[in-house]
Protein backbone atom coordinates (compact mmCIF):
# COMPACT_ATOMS: atom_id res chain seq x y z
CA UNK A 1 0.00 0.00 0.00
CA UNK A 2 1.29 3.47 -0.85
CA UNK A 3 2.25 5.75 1.99
CA UNK A 4 -0.08 8.57 3.00
CA UNK A 5 0.37 11.43 0.53
CA UNK A 6 2.74 9.51 -1.74
CA UNK A 7 2.89 10.22 -5.46
CA UNK A 8 1.09 7.87 -7.87
CA UNK A 9 3.39 5.00 -8.85
CA UNK A 10 3.73 6.09 -12.48
CA UNK A 11 4.81 9.57 -11.29
CA UNK A 12 7.33 8.04 -8.88
CA UNK A 13 8.86 6.13 -11.81
CA UNK A 14 8.87 9.26 -13.97
CA UNK A 15 10.61 11.22 -11.19
CA UNK A 16 13.18 8.45 -10.74
CA UNK A 17 14.00 8.53 -14.47
CA UNK A 18 14.18 12.35 -14.49
CA UNK A 19 16.73 12.24 -11.68
CA UNK A 20 18.71 9.50 -13.44
CA UNK A 21 18.83 11.70 -16.55
CA UNK A 22 19.96 14.71 -14.50
CA UNK A 23 22.65 12.60 -12.81
CA UNK A 24 23.98 11.32 -16.14
CA UNK A 25 23.02 7.73 -15.41
CA UNK A 26 20.86 7.95 -18.52
CA UNK A 27 22.57 9.92 -21.30
CA UNK A 28 21.25 11.90 -24.24
CA UNK A 29 20.33 9.62 -27.13
CA UNK A 30 20.44 6.43 -25.06
CA UNK A 31 17.85 3.82 -26.01
CA UNK A 32 15.92 2.51 -23.03
CA UNK A 33 15.42 -1.25 -22.63
CA UNK A 34 12.25 -2.78 -24.18
CA UNK A 35 9.21 -1.78 -22.16
CA UNK A 36 8.36 -5.25 -20.86
CA UNK A 37 11.97 -5.83 -19.80
CA UNK A 38 12.16 -2.42 -18.16
CA UNK A 39 8.86 -2.87 -16.34
CA UNK A 40 10.00 -6.25 -15.01
CA UNK A 41 13.28 -4.77 -13.75
CA UNK A 42 11.34 -2.04 -11.91
CA UNK A 43 8.75 -4.50 -10.56
CA UNK A 44 5.80 -2.63 -12.08
CA UNK A 45 3.11 -3.29 -14.68
CA UNK A 46 3.82 -2.37 -18.30
CA UNK A 47 0.82 -0.02 -18.28
CA UNK A 48 2.29 1.88 -15.32
CA UNK A 49 5.64 2.19 -17.08
CA UNK A 50 3.93 3.49 -20.22
CA UNK A 51 2.21 6.20 -18.17
CA UNK A 52 5.62 7.21 -16.79
CA UNK A 53 7.19 7.25 -20.26
CA UNK A 54 4.29 9.32 -21.60
CA UNK A 55 4.93 11.85 -18.83
CA UNK A 56 8.62 12.05 -19.79
CA UNK A 57 7.74 12.49 -23.46
CA UNK A 58 5.38 15.35 -22.56
CA UNK A 59 8.25 17.03 -20.67
CA UNK A 60 10.50 16.70 -23.73
CA UNK A 61 12.77 14.14 -22.07
CA UNK A 62 11.97 11.16 -24.27
CA UNK A 63 11.52 10.43 -27.97
CA UNK A 64 9.13 7.52 -28.49
CA UNK A 65 9.87 6.11 -31.95
CA UNK A 66 7.28 3.65 -33.25
CA UNK A 67 8.90 0.31 -34.01
CA UNK A 68 12.30 1.42 -32.70
CA UNK A 69 12.01 2.25 -28.99
CA UNK A 70 12.31 5.04 -26.44
CA UNK A 71 15.28 7.41 -26.60
CA UNK A 72 16.49 9.78 -23.88
CA UNK A 73 16.57 13.53 -24.53
CA UNK A 74 18.66 15.06 -21.76
CA UNK A 75 17.70 18.55 -20.58
CA UNK A 76 19.33 20.64 -17.87
CA UNK A 77 16.03 22.18 -16.76
CA UNK A 78 13.73 19.17 -16.64
CA UNK A 79 10.49 19.89 -14.79
CA UNK A 80 10.26 17.78 -11.64
CA UNK A 81 8.47 17.97 -8.30
CA UNK A 82 11.93 17.34 -6.81
CA UNK A 83 13.79 20.00 -8.83
CA UNK A 84 15.08 21.68 -5.65
CA UNK A 85 15.90 18.43 -3.81
CA UNK A 86 19.70 18.35 -4.08
CA UNK A 87 20.57 15.04 -2.42
CA UNK A 88 21.51 12.06 -4.58
CA UNK A 89 22.90 8.63 -3.91
CA UNK A 90 26.69 8.38 -4.20
CA UNK A 91 26.22 6.57 -7.52
CA UNK A 92 23.77 9.27 -8.67
CA UNK A 93 20.00 9.70 -8.84
CA UNK A 94 17.58 7.97 -6.53
CA UNK A 95 13.86 8.48 -5.91
CA UNK A 96 13.19 10.76 -2.91
CA UNK A 97 10.54 9.65 -0.44
CA UNK A 98 9.79 10.76 3.10
CA UNK A 99 8.19 9.68 6.35
CA UNK A 100 6.73 12.30 8.63
CA UNK A 101 7.96 12.02 12.22
CA UNK A 102 6.01 14.92 13.73
CA UNK A 103 4.16 18.13 12.89
CA UNK A 104 3.82 20.87 15.52
CA UNK A 105 2.97 24.55 15.59
CA UNK A 106 5.41 26.38 17.84
CA UNK A 107 7.54 29.53 18.27
CA UNK A 108 10.21 29.71 15.62
CA UNK A 109 13.64 28.30 16.45
CA UNK A 110 16.00 31.30 16.95
CA UNK A 111 18.76 29.40 15.14
CA UNK A 112 16.77 29.63 11.90
CA UNK A 113 17.52 32.26 9.27
CA UNK A 114 14.96 35.05 9.07
CA UNK A 115 11.85 34.04 7.12
CA UNK A 116 8.10 34.67 7.02
CA UNK A 117 5.85 37.16 8.79
CA UNK A 118 4.60 35.22 11.81
CA UNK A 119 6.45 34.58 15.10
CA UNK A 120 5.29 30.94 14.93
CA UNK A 121 5.83 28.24 12.37
CA UNK A 122 4.67 24.73 11.54
CA UNK A 123 7.64 22.49 12.38
CA UNK A 124 7.71 19.38 10.20
CA UNK A 125 10.24 16.69 11.03
CA UNK A 126 10.82 13.93 8.50
CA UNK A 127 13.09 11.00 7.69
CA UNK A 128 14.16 11.09 4.03
CA UNK A 129 14.97 8.14 1.79
CA UNK A 130 16.53 7.77 -1.66
CA UNK A 131 15.23 4.70 -3.49
CA UNK A 132 14.36 3.16 -0.12
CA UNK A 133 17.71 3.87 1.54
CA UNK A 134 17.82 6.12 4.62
CA UNK A 135 19.45 9.37 3.51
CA UNK A 136 18.70 12.32 5.80
CA UNK A 137 16.66 13.82 8.59
CA UNK A 138 15.10 17.21 8.09
CA UNK A 139 13.28 19.87 10.04
CA UNK A 140 11.15 22.19 7.89
CA UNK A 141 9.49 25.34 9.22
CA UNK A 142 6.54 26.77 7.28
CA UNK A 143 5.44 30.32 8.12
CA UNK A 144 2.29 30.03 10.27
CA UNK A 145 0.84 33.06 8.47
CA UNK A 146 0.28 30.83 5.43
CA UNK A 147 -1.97 28.27 7.13
CA UNK A 148 -3.45 28.21 10.63
CA UNK A 149 -3.50 24.45 11.28
CA UNK A 150 -1.45 21.64 9.79
CA UNK A 151 -1.24 17.91 10.52
CA UNK A 152 0.73 14.98 9.16
CA UNK A 153 -2.40 13.68 7.43
CA UNK A 154 -2.60 16.90 5.38
CA UNK A 155 0.84 16.57 3.83
CA UNK A 156 1.95 15.14 0.50
CA UNK A 157 5.28 13.37 0.14
CA UNK A 158 6.56 16.35 -1.87
CA UNK A 159 6.05 19.38 0.37
CA UNK A 160 6.54 21.79 -2.52
CA UNK A 161 3.78 20.00 -4.42
CA UNK A 162 1.60 20.27 -1.29
CA UNK A 163 2.31 24.00 -1.05
CA UNK A 164 1.33 24.49 -4.70
CA UNK A 165 -1.78 22.33 -4.75
CA UNK A 166 -3.20 23.06 -1.27
CA UNK A 167 -1.86 26.50 -0.34
CA UNK A 168 -1.35 28.22 -3.69
CA UNK A 169 2.35 28.75 -2.91
CA UNK A 170 4.95 28.20 -5.63
CA UNK A 171 8.51 27.96 -4.35
CA UNK A 172 10.24 30.20 -6.87
CA UNK A 173 13.76 30.10 -5.45
CA UNK A 174 15.78 28.81 -2.53
CA UNK A 175 19.13 29.53 -0.94
CA UNK A 176 21.18 26.72 0.60
CA UNK A 177 24.07 27.13 2.99
CA UNK A 178 26.20 24.04 3.55
CA UNK A 179 27.96 23.51 6.84
CA UNK A 180 28.21 20.98 9.64
CA UNK A 181 26.13 20.36 12.73
CA UNK A 182 25.40 17.67 15.33
CA UNK A 183 22.61 15.25 14.53
CA UNK A 184 19.62 16.21 16.73
CA UNK A 185 18.40 13.98 19.53
CA UNK A 186 15.01 13.44 17.85
CA UNK A 187 16.56 11.58 14.89
CA UNK A 188 15.04 8.06 14.72
CA UNK A 189 17.10 5.03 15.62
CA UNK A 190 17.11 3.71 12.06
CA UNK A 191 19.24 6.66 10.95
CA UNK A 192 22.77 5.21 10.64
CA UNK A 193 24.44 7.69 13.04
CA UNK A 194 23.73 8.38 16.73
CA UNK A 195 22.48 11.78 17.93
CA UNK A 196 25.30 14.26 18.40
CA UNK A 197 27.34 12.97 15.44
CA UNK A 198 28.76 15.89 13.39
CA UNK A 199 27.20 15.65 9.93
CA UNK A 200 26.88 17.80 6.81
CA UNK A 201 24.05 20.27 7.40
CA UNK A 202 22.02 22.13 4.77
CA UNK A 203 20.32 25.30 5.99
CA UNK A 204 17.74 26.52 3.46
CA UNK A 205 15.47 29.52 3.05
CA UNK A 206 12.75 29.35 0.36
CA UNK A 207 10.82 32.18 -1.29
CA UNK A 208 7.34 32.05 -2.83
CA UNK A 209 6.17 33.54 -6.13
CA UNK A 210 5.23 36.78 -4.34
CA UNK A 211 8.86 37.34 -3.36
CA UNK A 212 8.30 36.62 0.35
CA UNK A 213 10.27 34.01 2.30
CA UNK A 214 7.85 31.34 3.53
CA UNK A 215 9.99 28.44 4.69
CA UNK A 216 13.29 27.62 6.37
CA UNK A 217 14.79 24.23 7.05
CA UNK A 218 17.66 22.17 8.41
CA UNK A 219 18.72 18.91 6.71
CA UNK A 220 21.35 16.59 8.16
CA UNK A 221 22.48 13.92 5.69
CA UNK A 222 24.54 10.74 5.75
CA UNK A 223 27.74 11.45 3.75
CA UNK A 224 28.52 7.75 3.47
CA UNK A 225 25.52 7.09 1.21
CA UNK A 226 24.40 10.41 -0.30
CA UNK A 227 25.88 13.60 -1.74
CA UNK A 228 24.68 17.18 -2.11
CA UNK A 229 24.64 17.99 -5.84
CA UNK A 230 23.93 21.36 -7.51
CA UNK A 231 24.23 21.40 -11.30
CA UNK A 232 24.94 24.67 -13.10
CA UNK A 233 23.26 25.36 -16.44
């Protein structure tokens, strides 16, 4: 059964392929395996794969040639619900998923960069995965001026998609600062490092389409299995 708020399976596959293209694991002009073979390797139905491939073709990332096959068209600016998610597996790519640990409305953490208009924020703590592998823990703060109440059941797996569909907020840009910080004590036991371990830390501020900052976050990631990647056009 799909997790609460997870993307439809065909969209998950499409997003996985988009990230593989961005990472160079699938190169421009490469012919994909036959659809039945590819579907079997992914453990999905052929119909689901065809939906995913149709989505890629509509984004200009695939040429579907009748009688010949499906050919990759690499683009630097491929549209993706995970466009601003910069973590990848060491070998490249990987499908991002998440599990919500807690959602609370509380006074903003003074360690956060300045953002938003309200003295309170919705604090969302999540465990992040890449293709099923534990990758990071994150603490996201959404400006409480944007929504009064928020619960885990409200959220989609892609928070930026949730903001767009449910709140009318488009994240137009973000600024990341990369440093180091101790893993917080609320990190779940399945994360491969104990609390207090110094880890790479991403501090992010995100701005909406109206030019106002609406979100700030901390992300601690496991450097043994994932990397922070920012590609320049």
